[in-house]
Amino acid sequence: MKEYSVKRPLKRSPIHPGEVLREDVLPSLGLSVSEAARRMGISRQQLHRVLACTHPISTEMALRIGKFAGNGPGLWLRMQQVYDLWYAEERMKDELSQIETVASVGSGASCIS
């Protein structure tokens, strides 16, 4: 499965990765939630919470889903990160506008020694 990267600011909220799993992956595989959960080694309730978009994709869950779907954990983690970042930025918009940027990314400062 080829992965495409979107390089534009989103004006609408991104899709929770659980919705992608619920609407695209499971139907295309013809699997029930119970069967998919069994194959991933998790409870049906755990999977249902992800599919209901009430719980994020953790690193461990991304490993399970990535192995199950055959596309690796990175895609699922990136989708969750984009989702989380978008909503955090929306919540913090006013607060972030009050913070002055003091250095540009390419200034040579590094946390790695």
PDB file of N, CA and C in Angstrom:
ATOM      1  N   MET A   1       0.855  -1.172   0.000  1.00  0.00           N
ATOM      2  CA  MET A   1       0.000   0.000   0.000  1.00  0.00           C
ATOM      3  C   MET A   1       0.899   1.232   0.000  1.00  0.00           C
ATOM      4  N   LYS A   2       0.798   2.053  -1.024  1.00  0.00           N
ATOM      5  CA  LYS A   2       1.611   3.255  -1.139  1.00  0.00           C
ATOM      6  C   LYS A   2       1.025   4.353  -0.256  1.00  0.00           C
ATOM      7  N   GLU A   3       1.916   5.116   0.359  1.00  0.00           N
ATOM      8  CA  GLU A   3       1.506   6.193   1.246  1.00  0.00           C
ATOM      9  C   GLU A   3       1.813   7.530   0.598  1.00  0.00           C
ATOM     10  N   TYR A   4       0.868   8.448   0.647  1.00  0.00           N
ATOM     11  CA  TYR A   4       1.038   9.775   0.091  1.00  0.00           C
ATOM     12  C   TYR A   4       1.028  10.800   1.210  1.00  0.00           C
ATOM     13  N   SER A   5       1.911  11.771   1.122  1.00  0.00           N
ATOM     14  CA  SER A   5       2.009  12.807   2.135  1.00  0.00           C
ATOM     15  C   SER A   5       1.338  14.081   1.634  1.00  0.00           C
ATOM     16  N   VAL A   6       0.553  14.697   2.486  1.00  0.00           N
ATOM     17  CA  VAL A   6      -0.125  15.941   2.147  1.00  0.00           C
ATOM     18  C   VAL A   6       0.680  17.083   2.748  1.00  0.00           C
ATOM     19  N   LYS A   7       1.113  18.020   1.913  1.00  0.00           N
ATOM     20  CA  LYS A   7       1.949  19.137   2.359  1.00  0.00           C
ATOM     21  C   LYS A   7       1.181  20.447   2.275  1.00  0.00           C
ATOM     22  N   ARG A   8       0.050  20.518   2.940  1.00  0.00           N
ATOM     23  CA  ARG A   8      -0.720  21.745   2.936  1.00  0.00           C
ATOM     24  C   ARG A   8      -1.370  21.909   4.309  1.00  0.00           C
ATOM     25  N   PRO A   9      -1.585  23.135   4.719  1.00  0.00           N
ATOM     26  CA  PRO A   9      -2.275  23.320   5.986  1.00  0.00           C
ATOM     27  C   PRO A   9      -3.735  22.884   5.849  1.00  0.00           C
ATOM     28  N   LEU A  10      -4.214  22.160   6.827  1.00  0.00           N
ATOM     29  CA  LEU A  10      -5.599  21.698   6.788  1.00  0.00           C
ATOM     30  C   LEU A  10      -6.531  22.773   7.329  1.00  0.00           C
ATOM     31  N   LYS A  11      -7.553  23.097   6.563  1.00  0.00           N
ATOM     32  CA  LYS A  11      -8.558  24.050   7.011  1.00  0.00           C
ATOM     33  C   LYS A  11      -9.705  23.318   7.720  1.00  0.00           C
ATOM     34  N   ARG A  12      -9.768  22.043   7.517  1.00  0.00           N
ATOM     35  CA  ARG A  12     -10.785  21.243   8.199  1.00  0.00           C
ATOM     36  C   ARG A  12     -10.079  20.235   9.089  1.00  0.00           C
ATOM     37  N   SER A  13     -10.788  19.730  10.048  1.00  0.00           N
ATOM     38  CA  SER A  13     -10.169  18.796  10.983  1.00  0.00           C
ATOM     39  C   SER A  13      -9.782  17.497  10.276  1.00  0.00           C
ATOM     40  N   PRO A  14      -8.631  16.947  10.648  1.00  0.00           N
ATOM     41  CA  PRO A  14      -8.222  15.672  10.054  1.00  0.00           C
ATOM     42  C   PRO A  14      -9.082  14.524  10.588  1.00  0.00           C
ATOM     43  N   ILE A  15      -9.040  13.427   9.895  1.00  0.00           N
ATOM     44  CA  ILE A  15      -9.808  12.239  10.276  1.00  0.00           C
ATOM     45  C   ILE A  15      -9.041  11.452  11.319  1.00  0.00           C
ATOM     46  N   HIS A  16      -9.743  11.005  12.335  1.00  0.00           N
ATOM     47  CA  HIS A  16      -9.137  10.138  13.354  1.00  0.00           C
ATOM     48  C   HIS A  16      -8.759   8.818  12.682  1.00  0.00           C
ATOM     49  N   PRO A  17      -7.585   8.260  12.995  1.00  0.00           N
ATOM     50  CA  PRO A  17      -7.190   6.999  12.352  1.00  0.00           C
ATOM     51  C   PRO A  17      -8.163   5.847  12.618  1.00  0.00           C
ATOM     52  N   GLY A  18      -8.881   5.906  13.731  1.00  0.00           N
ATOM     53  CA  GLY A  18      -9.882   4.880  14.005  1.00  0.00           C
ATOM     54  C   GLY A  18     -10.999   4.884  12.977  1.00  0.00           C
ATOM     55  N   GLU A  19     -11.319   6.065  12.458  1.00  0.00           N
ATOM     56  CA  GLU A  19     -12.348   6.173  11.424  1.00  0.00           C
ATOM     57  C   GLU A  19     -11.877   5.524  10.128  1.00  0.00           C
ATOM     58  N   VAL A  20     -10.600   5.703   9.796  1.00  0.00           N
ATOM     59  CA  VAL A  20     -10.035   5.067   8.603  1.00  0.00           C
ATOM     60  C   VAL A  20     -10.097   3.550   8.754  1.00  0.00           C
ATOM     61  N   LEU A  21      -9.736   3.076   9.922  1.00  0.00           N
ATOM     62  CA  LEU A  21      -9.782   1.640  10.188  1.00  0.00           C
ATOM     63  C   LEU A  21     -11.215   1.110  10.096  1.00  0.00           C
ATOM     64  N   ARG A  22     -12.153   1.855  10.678  1.00  0.00           N
ATOM     65  CA  ARG A  22     -13.570   1.448  10.701  1.00  0.00           C
ATOM     66  C   ARG A  22     -14.233   1.522   9.325  1.00  0.00           C
ATOM     67  N   GLU A  23     -13.976   2.609   8.596  1.00  0.00           N
ATOM     68  CA  GLU A  23     -14.685   2.845   7.346  1.00  0.00           C
ATOM     69  C   GLU A  23     -14.015   2.237   6.114  1.00  0.00           C
ATOM     70  N   ASP A  24     -12.703   2.066   6.152  1.00  0.00           N
ATOM     71  CA  ASP A  24     -11.982   1.609   4.967  1.00  0.00           C
ATOM     72  C   ASP A  24     -11.340   0.232   5.127  1.00  0.00           C
ATOM     73  N   VAL A  25     -10.559   0.067   6.196  1.00  0.00           N
ATOM     74  CA  VAL A  25      -9.752  -1.155   6.328  1.00  0.00           C
ATOM     75  C   VAL A  25     -10.603  -2.381   6.641  1.00  0.00           C
ATOM     76  N   LEU A  26     -11.370  -2.324   7.715  1.00  0.00           N
ATOM     77  CA  LEU A  26     -12.150  -3.511   8.099  1.00  0.00           C
ATOM     78  C   LEU A  26     -13.161  -3.926   7.031  1.00  0.00           C
ATOM     79  N   PRO A  27     -13.909  -2.980   6.437  1.00  0.00           N
ATOM     80  CA  PRO A  27     -14.835  -3.397   5.380  1.00  0.00           C
ATOM     81  C   PRO A  27     -14.129  -4.018   4.173  1.00  0.00           C
ATOM     82  N   SER A  28     -12.978  -3.466   3.803  1.00  0.00           N
ATOM     83  CA  SER A  28     -12.279  -4.023   2.642  1.00  0.00           C
ATOM     84  C   SER A  28     -11.740  -5.422   2.925  1.00  0.00           C
ATOM     85  N   LEU A  29     -11.473  -5.706   4.192  1.00  0.00           N
ATOM     86  CA  LEU A  29     -11.015  -7.044   4.566  1.00  0.00           C
ATOM     87  C   LEU A  29     -12.179  -7.992   4.854  1.00  0.00           C
ATOM     88  N   GLY A  30     -13.378  -7.431   4.986  1.00  0.00           N
ATOM     89  CA  GLY A  30     -14.560  -8.239   5.270  1.00  0.00           C
ATOM     90  C   GLY A  30     -14.536  -8.849   6.659  1.00  0.00           C
ATOM     91  N   LEU A  31     -13.948  -8.128   7.627  1.00  0.00           N
ATOM     92  CA  LEU A  31     -13.819  -8.654   8.988  1.00  0.00           C
ATOM     93  C   LEU A  31     -14.698  -7.902   9.970  1.00  0.00           C
ATOM     94  N   SER A  32     -15.204  -8.626  10.948  1.00  0.00           N
ATOM     95  CA  SER A  32     -15.952  -8.004  12.036  1.00  0.00           C
ATOM     96  C   SER A  32     -14.966  -7.408  13.034  1.00  0.00           C
ATOM     97  N   VAL A  33     -15.486  -6.575  13.917  1.00  0.00           N
ATOM     98  CA  VAL A  33     -14.653  -5.995  14.972  1.00  0.00           C
ATOM     99  C   VAL A  33     -14.094  -7.110  15.848  1.00  0.00           C
ATOM    100  N   SER A  34     -14.913  -8.071  16.182  1.00  0.00           N
ATOM    101  CA  SER A  34     -14.464  -9.169  17.035  1.00  0.00           C
ATOM    102  C   SER A  34     -13.329  -9.962  16.391  1.00  0.00           C
ATOM    103  N   GLU A  35     -13.467 -10.264  15.114  1.00  0.00           N
ATOM    104  CA  GLU A  35     -12.429 -11.027  14.415  1.00  0.00           C
ATOM    105  C   GLU A  35     -11.149 -10.220  14.268  1.00  0.00           C
ATOM    106  N   ALA A  36     -11.276  -8.953  13.944  1.00  0.00           N
ATOM    107  CA  ALA A  36     -10.089  -8.098  13.814  1.00  0.00           C
ATOM    108  C   ALA A  36      -9.379  -7.982  15.152  1.00  0.00           C
ATOM    109  N   ALA A  37     -10.127  -7.790  16.224  1.00  0.00           N
ATOM    110  CA  ALA A  37      -9.533  -7.692  17.561  1.00  0.00           C
ATOM    111  C   ALA A  37      -8.812  -8.994  17.918  1.00  0.00           C
ATOM    112  N   ARG A  38      -9.434 -10.113  17.629  1.00  0.00           N
ATOM    113  CA  ARG A  38      -8.816 -11.402  17.917  1.00  0.00           C
ATOM    114  C   ARG A  38      -7.492 -11.547  17.172  1.00  0.00           C
ATOM    115  N   ARG A  39      -7.491 -11.174  15.897  1.00  0.00           N
ATOM    116  CA  ARG A  39      -6.273 -11.288  15.088  1.00  0.00           C
ATOM    117  C   ARG A  39      -5.174 -10.342  15.560  1.00  0.00           C
ATOM    118  N   MET A  40      -5.559  -9.206  16.145  1.00  0.00           N
ATOM    119  CA  MET A  40      -4.561  -8.254  16.652  1.00  0.00           C
ATOM    120  C   MET A  40      -4.143  -8.550  18.089  1.00  0.00           C
ATOM    121  N   GLY A  41      -4.828  -9.487  18.725  1.00  0.00           N
ATOM    122  CA  GLY A  41      -4.474  -9.848  20.095  1.00  0.00           C
ATOM    123  C   GLY A  41      -4.917  -8.833  21.137  1.00  0.00           C
ATOM    124  N   ILE A  42      -6.046  -8.171  20.871  1.00  0.00           N
ATOM    125  CA  ILE A  42      -6.601  -7.198  21.811  1.00  0.00           C
ATOM    126  C   ILE A  42      -8.068  -7.515  22.052  1.00  0.00           C
ATOM    127  N   SER A  43      -8.638  -6.862  23.046  1.00  0.00           N
ATOM    128  CA  SER A  43     -10.056  -7.095  23.317  1.00  0.00           C
ATOM    129  C   SER A  43     -10.912  -6.346  22.290  1.00  0.00           C
ATOM    130  N   ARG A  44     -12.105  -6.830  22.120  1.00  0.00           N
ATOM    131  CA  ARG A  44     -13.057  -6.174  21.227  1.00  0.00           C
ATOM    132  C   ARG A  44     -13.345  -4.767  21.721  1.00  0.00           C
ATOM    133  N   GLN A  45     -13.402  -4.604  23.050  1.00  0.00           N
ATOM    134  CA  GLN A  45     -13.668  -3.288  23.635  1.00  0.00           C
ATOM    135  C   GLN A  45     -12.546  -2.296  23.326  1.00  0.00           C
ATOM    136  N   GLN A  46     -11.292  -2.758  23.390  1.00  0.00           N
ATOM    137  CA  GLN A  46     -10.164  -1.885  23.053  1.00  0.00           C
ATOM    138  C   GLN A  46     -10.285  -1.396  21.614  1.00  0.00           C
ATOM    139  N   LEU A  47     -10.532  -2.316  20.712  1.00  0.00           N
ATOM    140  CA  LEU A  47     -10.649  -1.954  19.307  1.00  0.00           C
ATOM    141  C   LEU A  47     -11.863  -1.050  19.080  1.00  0.00           C
ATOM    142  N   HIS A  48     -12.958  -1.357  19.740  1.00  0.00           N
ATOM    143  CA  HIS A  48     -14.164  -0.536  19.576  1.00  0.00           C
ATOM    144  C   HIS A  48     -13.902   0.910  19.988  1.00  0.00           C
ATOM    145  N   ARG A  49     -13.145   1.135  21.071  1.00  0.00           N
ATOM    146  CA  ARG A  49     -12.836   2.500  21.516  1.00  0.00           C
ATOM    147  C   ARG A  49     -12.039   3.257  20.457  1.00  0.00           C
ATOM    148  N   VAL A  50     -11.124   2.572  19.794  1.00  0.00           N
ATOM    149  CA  VAL A  50     -10.358   3.206  18.713  1.00  0.00           C
ATOM    150  C   VAL A  50     -11.274   3.495  17.533  1.00  0.00           C
ATOM    151  N   LEU A  51     -12.099   2.522  17.166  1.00  0.00           N
ATOM    152  CA  LEU A  51     -13.008   2.688  16.032  1.00  0.00           C
ATOM    153  C   LEU A  51     -14.044   3.781  16.282  1.00  0.00           C
ATOM    154  N   ALA A  52     -14.410   3.978  17.543  1.00  0.00           N
ATOM    155  CA  ALA A  52     -15.377   5.018  17.911  1.00  0.00           C
ATOM    156  C   ALA A  52     -14.700   6.391  18.018  1.00  0.00           C
ATOM    157  N   CYS A  53     -13.395   6.414  17.811  1.00  0.00           N
ATOM    158  CA  CYS A  53     -12.601   7.657  17.835  1.00  0.00           C
ATOM    159  C   CYS A  53     -12.589   8.307  19.213  1.00  0.00           C
ATOM    160  N   THR A  54     -12.765   7.517  20.263  1.00  0.00           N
ATOM    161  CA  THR A  54     -12.714   8.043  21.623  1.00  0.00           C
ATOM    162  C   THR A  54     -11.349   7.824  22.264  1.00  0.00           C
ATOM    163  N   HIS A  55     -10.516   6.975  21.663  1.00  0.00           N
ATOM    164  CA  HIS A  55      -9.171   6.718  22.174  1.00  0.00           C
ATOM    165  C   HIS A  55      -8.155   6.878  21.048  1.00  0.00           C
ATOM    166  N   PRO A  56      -6.994   7.414  21.396  1.00  0.00           N
ATOM    167  CA  PRO A  56      -5.955   7.598  20.366  1.00  0.00           C
ATOM    168  C   PRO A  56      -5.267   6.285  20.017  1.00  0.00           C
ATOM    169  N   ILE A  57      -4.562   6.302  18.912  1.00  0.00           N
ATOM    170  CA  ILE A  57      -3.734   5.174  18.506  1.00  0.00           C
ATOM    171  C   ILE A  57      -2.420   5.300  19.272  1.00  0.00           C
ATOM    172  N   SER A  58      -2.186   4.403  20.196  1.00  0.00           N
ATOM    173  CA  SER A  58      -0.926   4.398  20.944  1.00  0.00           C
ATOM    174  C   SER A  58       0.159   3.759  20.076  1.00  0.00           C
ATOM    175  N   THR A  59       1.392   3.856  20.536  1.00  0.00           N
ATOM    176  CA  THR A  59       2.495   3.222  19.810  1.00  0.00           C
ATOM    177  C   THR A  59       2.258   1.722  19.682  1.00  0.00           C
ATOM    178  N   GLU A  60       1.839   1.099  20.773  1.00  0.00           N
ATOM    179  CA  GLU A  60       1.583  -0.344  20.752  1.00  0.00           C
ATOM    180  C   GLU A  60       0.433  -0.695  19.811  1.00  0.00           C
ATOM    181  N   MET A  61      -0.614   0.126  19.828  1.00  0.00           N
ATOM    182  CA  MET A  61      -1.750  -0.131  18.945  1.00  0.00           C
ATOM    183  C   MET A  61      -1.337   0.064  17.489  1.00  0.00           C
ATOM    184  N   ALA A  62      -0.505   1.071  17.225  1.00  0.00           N
ATOM    185  CA  ALA A  62      -0.017   1.304  15.865  1.00  0.00           C
ATOM    186  C   ALA A  62       0.792   0.108  15.371  1.00  0.00           C
ATOM    187  N   LEU A  63       1.574  -0.482  16.248  1.00  0.00           N
ATOM    188  CA  LEU A  63       2.333  -1.684  15.867  1.00  0.00           C
ATOM    189  C   LEU A  63       1.378  -2.822  15.502  1.00  0.00           C
ATOM    190  N   ARG A  64       0.339  -2.998  16.297  1.00  0.00           N
ATOM    191  CA  ARG A  64      -0.637  -4.064  16.034  1.00  0.00           C
ATOM    192  C   ARG A  64      -1.408  -3.815  14.732  1.00  0.00           C
ATOM    193  N   ILE A  65      -1.919  -2.591  14.566  1.00  0.00           N
ATOM    194  CA  ILE A  65      -2.699  -2.271  13.372  1.00  0.00           C
ATOM    195  C   ILE A  65      -1.815  -2.328  12.131  1.00  0.00           C
ATOM    196  N   GLY A  66      -0.607  -1.793  12.241  1.00  0.00           N
ATOM    197  CA  GLY A  66       0.318  -1.799  11.106  1.00  0.00           C
ATOM    198  C   GLY A  66       0.667  -3.200  10.654  1.00  0.00           C
ATOM    199  N   LYS A  67       0.870  -4.099  11.604  1.00  0.00           N
ATOM    200  CA  LYS A  67       1.152  -5.499  11.274  1.00  0.00           C
ATOM    201  C   LYS A  67      -0.087  -6.154  10.663  1.00  0.00           C
ATOM    202  N   PHE A  68      -1.226  -5.916  11.278  1.00  0.00           N
ATOM    203  CA  PHE A  68      -2.503  -6.476  10.823  1.00  0.00           C
ATOM    204  C   PHE A  68      -2.837  -6.025   9.403  1.00  0.00           C
ATOM    205  N   ALA A  69      -2.712  -4.709   9.148  1.00  0.00           N
ATOM    206  CA  ALA A  69      -3.080  -4.153   7.836  1.00  0.00           C
ATOM    207  C   ALA A  69      -1.964  -4.297   6.811  1.00  0.00           C
ATOM    208  N   GLY A  70      -0.751  -4.590   7.276  1.00  0.00           N
ATOM    209  CA  GLY A  70       0.367  -4.778   6.357  1.00  0.00           C
ATOM    210  C   GLY A  70       1.012  -3.496   5.869  1.00  0.00           C
ATOM    211  N   ASN A  71       0.729  -2.380   6.545  1.00  0.00           N
ATOM    212  CA  ASN A  71       1.313  -1.110   6.102  1.00  0.00           C
ATOM    213  C   ASN A  71       2.205  -0.465   7.156  1.00  0.00           C
ATOM    214  N   GLY A  72       2.536  -1.175   8.202  1.00  0.00           N
ATOM    215  CA  GLY A  72       3.461  -0.676   9.213  1.00  0.00           C
ATOM    216  C   GLY A  72       2.838   0.313  10.179  1.00  0.00           C
ATOM    217  N   PRO A  73       3.513   0.544  11.295  1.00  0.00           N
ATOM    218  CA  PRO A  73       2.967   1.423  12.336  1.00  0.00           C
ATOM    219  C   PRO A  73       3.100   2.910  12.037  1.00  0.00           C
ATOM    220  N   GLY A  74       4.051   3.292  11.202  1.00  0.00           N
ATOM    221  CA  GLY A  74       4.311   4.712  10.968  1.00  0.00           C
ATOM    222  C   GLY A  74       3.119   5.476  10.450  1.00  0.00           C
ATOM    223  N   LEU A  75       2.405   4.909   9.508  1.00  0.00           N
ATOM    224  CA  LEU A  75       1.228   5.560   8.940  1.00  0.00           C
ATOM    225  C   LEU A  75       0.205   5.872  10.026  1.00  0.00           C
ATOM    226  N   TRP A  76      -0.055   4.913  10.895  1.00  0.00           N
ATOM    227  CA  TRP A  76      -1.069   5.067  11.941  1.00  0.00           C
ATOM    228  C   TRP A  76      -0.627   6.085  12.986  1.00  0.00           C
ATOM    229  N   LEU A  77       0.659   6.082  13.326  1.00  0.00           N
ATOM    230  CA  LEU A  77       1.167   7.073  14.276  1.00  0.00           C
ATOM    231  C   LEU A  77       1.133   8.474  13.687  1.00  0.00           C
ATOM    232  N   ARG A  78       1.481   8.606  12.416  1.00  0.00           N
ATOM    233  CA  ARG A  78       1.444   9.929  11.778  1.00  0.00           C
ATOM    234  C   ARG A  78       0.020  10.454  11.682  1.00  0.00           C
ATOM    235  N   MET A  79      -0.933   9.598  11.350  1.00  0.00           N
ATOM    236  CA  MET A  79      -2.330  10.041  11.305  1.00  0.00           C
ATOM    237  C   MET A  79      -2.775  10.532  12.678  1.00  0.00           C
ATOM    238  N   GLN A  80      -2.393   9.794  13.737  1.00  0.00           N
ATOM    239  CA  GLN A  80      -2.773  10.197  15.092  1.00  0.00           C
ATOM    240  C   GLN A  80      -2.091  11.503  15.473  1.00  0.00           C
ATOM    241  N   GLN A  81      -0.825  11.653  15.097  1.00  0.00           N
ATOM    242  CA  GLN A  81      -0.092  12.875  15.409  1.00  0.00           C
ATOM    243  C   GLN A  81      -0.719  14.086  14.719  1.00  0.00           C
ATOM    244  N   VAL A  82      -1.069  13.947  13.450  1.00  0.00           N
ATOM    245  CA  VAL A  82      -1.716  15.043  12.709  1.00  0.00           C
ATOM    246  C   VAL A  82      -3.042  15.403  13.378  1.00  0.00           C
ATOM    247  N   TYR A  83      -3.805  14.401  13.762  1.00  0.00           N
ATOM    248  CA  TYR A  83      -5.093  14.604  14.425  1.00  0.00           C
ATOM    249  C   TYR A  83      -4.903  15.342  15.751  1.00  0.00           C
ATOM    250  N   ASP A  84      -3.988  14.844  16.587  1.00  0.00           N
ATOM    251  CA  ASP A  84      -3.741  15.448  17.893  1.00  0.00           C
ATOM    252  C   ASP A  84      -3.224  16.873  17.774  1.00  0.00           C
ATOM    253  N   LEU A  85      -2.289  17.093  16.864  1.00  0.00           N
ATOM    254  CA  LEU A  85      -1.696  18.413  16.688  1.00  0.00           C
ATOM    255  C   LEU A  85      -2.732  19.427  16.217  1.00  0.00           C
ATOM    256  N   TRP A  86      -3.579  19.026  15.281  1.00  0.00           N
ATOM    257  CA  TRP A  86      -4.594  19.937  14.765  1.00  0.00           C
ATOM    258  C   TRP A  86      -5.529  20.387  15.890  1.00  0.00           C
ATOM    259  N   TYR A  87      -6.013  19.428  16.696  1.00  0.00           N
ATOM    260  CA  TYR A  87      -6.945  19.782  17.766  1.00  0.00           C
ATOM    261  C   TYR A  87      -6.270  20.577  18.877  1.00  0.00           C
ATOM    262  N   ALA A  88      -5.017  20.269  19.197  1.00  0.00           N
ATOM    263  CA  ALA A  88      -4.285  21.043  20.211  1.00  0.00           C
ATOM    264  C   ALA A  88      -4.087  22.473  19.738  1.00  0.00           C
ATOM    265  N   GLU A  89      -3.730  22.626  18.470  1.00  0.00           N
ATOM    266  CA  GLU A  89      -3.525  23.963  17.920  1.00  0.00           C
ATOM    267  C   GLU A  89      -4.824  24.768  17.929  1.00  0.00           C
ATOM    268  N   GLU A  90      -5.929  24.126  17.611  1.00  0.00           N
ATOM    269  CA  GLU A  90      -7.227  24.806  17.659  1.00  0.00           C
ATOM    270  C   GLU A  90      -7.560  25.254  19.081  1.00  0.00           C
ATOM    271  N   ARG A  91      -7.329  24.373  20.053  1.00  0.00           N
ATOM    272  CA  ARG A  91      -7.613  24.703  21.457  1.00  0.00           C
ATOM    273  C   ARG A  91      -6.722  25.828  21.967  1.00  0.00           C
ATOM    274  N   MET A  92      -5.473  25.853  21.498  1.00  0.00           N
ATOM    275  CA  MET A  92      -4.482  26.789  22.027  1.00  0.00           C
ATOM    276  C   MET A  92      -4.261  28.020  21.150  1.00  0.00           C
ATOM    277  N   LYS A  93      -5.085  28.201  20.131  1.00  0.00           N
ATOM    278  CA  LYS A  93      -4.874  29.260  19.144  1.00  0.00           C
ATOM    279  C   LYS A  93      -4.619  30.628  19.784  1.00  0.00           C
ATOM    280  N   ASP A  94      -5.461  31.044  20.713  1.00  0.00           N
ATOM    281  CA  ASP A  94      -5.298  32.355  21.343  1.00  0.00           C
ATOM    282  C   ASP A  94      -4.019  32.418  22.171  1.00  0.00           C
ATOM    283  N   GLU A  95      -3.763  31.372  22.935  1.00  0.00           N
ATOM    284  CA  GLU A  95      -2.561  31.332  23.766  1.00  0.00           C
ATOM    285  C   GLU A  95      -1.292  31.348  22.911  1.00  0.00           C
ATOM    286  N   LEU A  96      -1.280  30.596  21.832  1.00  0.00           N
ATOM    287  CA  LEU A  96      -0.107  30.538  20.956  1.00  0.00           C
ATOM    288  C   LEU A  96       0.161  31.874  20.266  1.00  0.00           C
ATOM    289  N   SER A  97      -0.904  32.617  19.980  1.00  0.00           N
ATOM    290  CA  SER A  97      -0.718  33.909  19.317  1.00  0.00           C
ATOM    291  C   SER A  97       0.000  34.908  20.224  1.00  0.00           C
ATOM    292  N   GLN A  98       0.013  34.663  21.516  1.00  0.00           N
ATOM    293  CA  GLN A  98       0.677  35.554  22.473  1.00  0.00           C
ATOM    294  C   GLN A  98       2.161  35.214  22.667  1.00  0.00           C
ATOM    295  N   ILE A  99       2.624  34.101  22.109  1.00  0.00           N
ATOM    296  CA  ILE A  99       4.013  33.677  22.281  1.00  0.00           C
ATOM    297  C   ILE A  99       4.850  34.211  21.130  1.00  0.00           C
ATOM    298  N   GLU A 100       5.908  34.921  21.472  1.00  0.00           N
ATOM    299  CA  GLU A 100       6.809  35.482  20.466  1.00  0.00           C
ATOM    300  C   GLU A 100       7.829  34.434  20.050  1.00  0.00           C
ATOM    301  N   THR A 101       8.037  34.296  18.749  1.00  0.00           N
ATOM    302  CA  THR A 101       9.057  33.387  18.224  1.00  0.00           C
ATOM    303  C   THR A 101      10.405  34.080  18.341  1.00  0.00           C
ATOM    304  N   VAL A 102      11.387  33.430  18.983  1.00  0.00           N
ATOM    305  CA  VAL A 102      12.680  34.065  19.217  1.00  0.00           C
ATOM    306  C   VAL A 102      13.800  33.510  18.348  1.00  0.00           C
ATOM    307  N   ALA A 103      13.625  32.333  17.759  1.00  0.00           N
ATOM    308  CA  ALA A 103      14.676  31.754  16.929  1.00  0.00           C
ATOM    309  C   ALA A 103      14.045  31.012  15.767  1.00  0.00           C
ATOM    310  N   SER A 104      14.738  31.019  14.634  1.00  0.00           N
ATOM    311  CA  SER A 104      14.246  30.255  13.498  1.00  0.00           C
ATOM    312  C   SER A 104      14.781  28.840  13.581  1.00  0.00           C
ATOM    313  N   VAL A 105      14.157  27.921  12.900  1.00  0.00           N
ATOM    314  CA  VAL A 105      14.505  26.503  12.951  1.00  0.00           C
ATOM    315  C   VAL A 105      15.949  26.259  12.525  1.00  0.00           C
ATOM    316  N   GLY A 106      16.436  26.948  11.531  1.00  0.00           N
ATOM    317  CA  GLY A 106      17.771  26.697  11.000  1.00  0.00           C
ATOM    318  C   GLY A 106      18.871  27.496  11.675  1.00  0.00           C
ATOM    319  N   SER A 107      18.685  27.925  12.933  1.00  0.00           N
ATOM    320  CA  SER A 107      19.643  28.809  13.584  1.00  0.00           C
ATOM    321  C   SER A 107      20.872  28.084  14.124  1.00  0.00           C
ATOM    322  N   GLY A 108      20.896  26.763  14.066  1.00  0.00           N
ATOM    323  CA  GLY A 108      22.047  26.015  14.529  1.00  0.00           C
ATOM    324  C   GLY A 108      21.912  25.498  15.943  1.00  0.00           C
ATOM    325  N   ALA A 109      20.885  25.896  16.668  1.00  0.00           N
ATOM    326  CA  ALA A 109      20.680  25.389  18.015  1.00  0.00           C
ATOM    327  C   ALA A 109      20.247  23.928  17.932  1.00  0.00           C
ATOM    328  N   SER A 110      20.754  23.134  18.840  1.00  0.00           N
ATOM    329  CA  SER A 110      20.442  21.719  18.809  1.00  0.00           C
ATOM    330  C   SER A 110      20.350  21.162  20.208  1.00  0.00           C
ATOM    331  N   CYS A 111      19.471  20.197  20.391  1.00  0.00           N
ATOM    332  CA  CYS A 111      19.349  19.510  21.674  1.00  0.00           C
ATOM    333  C   CYS A 111      20.258  18.292  21.707  1.00  0.00           C
ATOM    334  N   ILE A 112      20.817  17.921  20.584  1.00  0.00           N
ATOM    335  CA  ILE A 112      21.677  16.743  20.493  1.00  0.00           C
ATOM    336  C   ILE A 112      23.119  17.183  20.615  1.00  0.00           C
ATOM    337  N   SER A 113      23.841  16.561  21.533  1.00  0.00           N
ATOM    338  CA  SER A 113      25.255  16.931  21.685  1.00  0.00           C
ATOM    339  C   SER A 113      26.162  15.837  21.194  1.00  0.00           C
TER     340      SER A 113
END
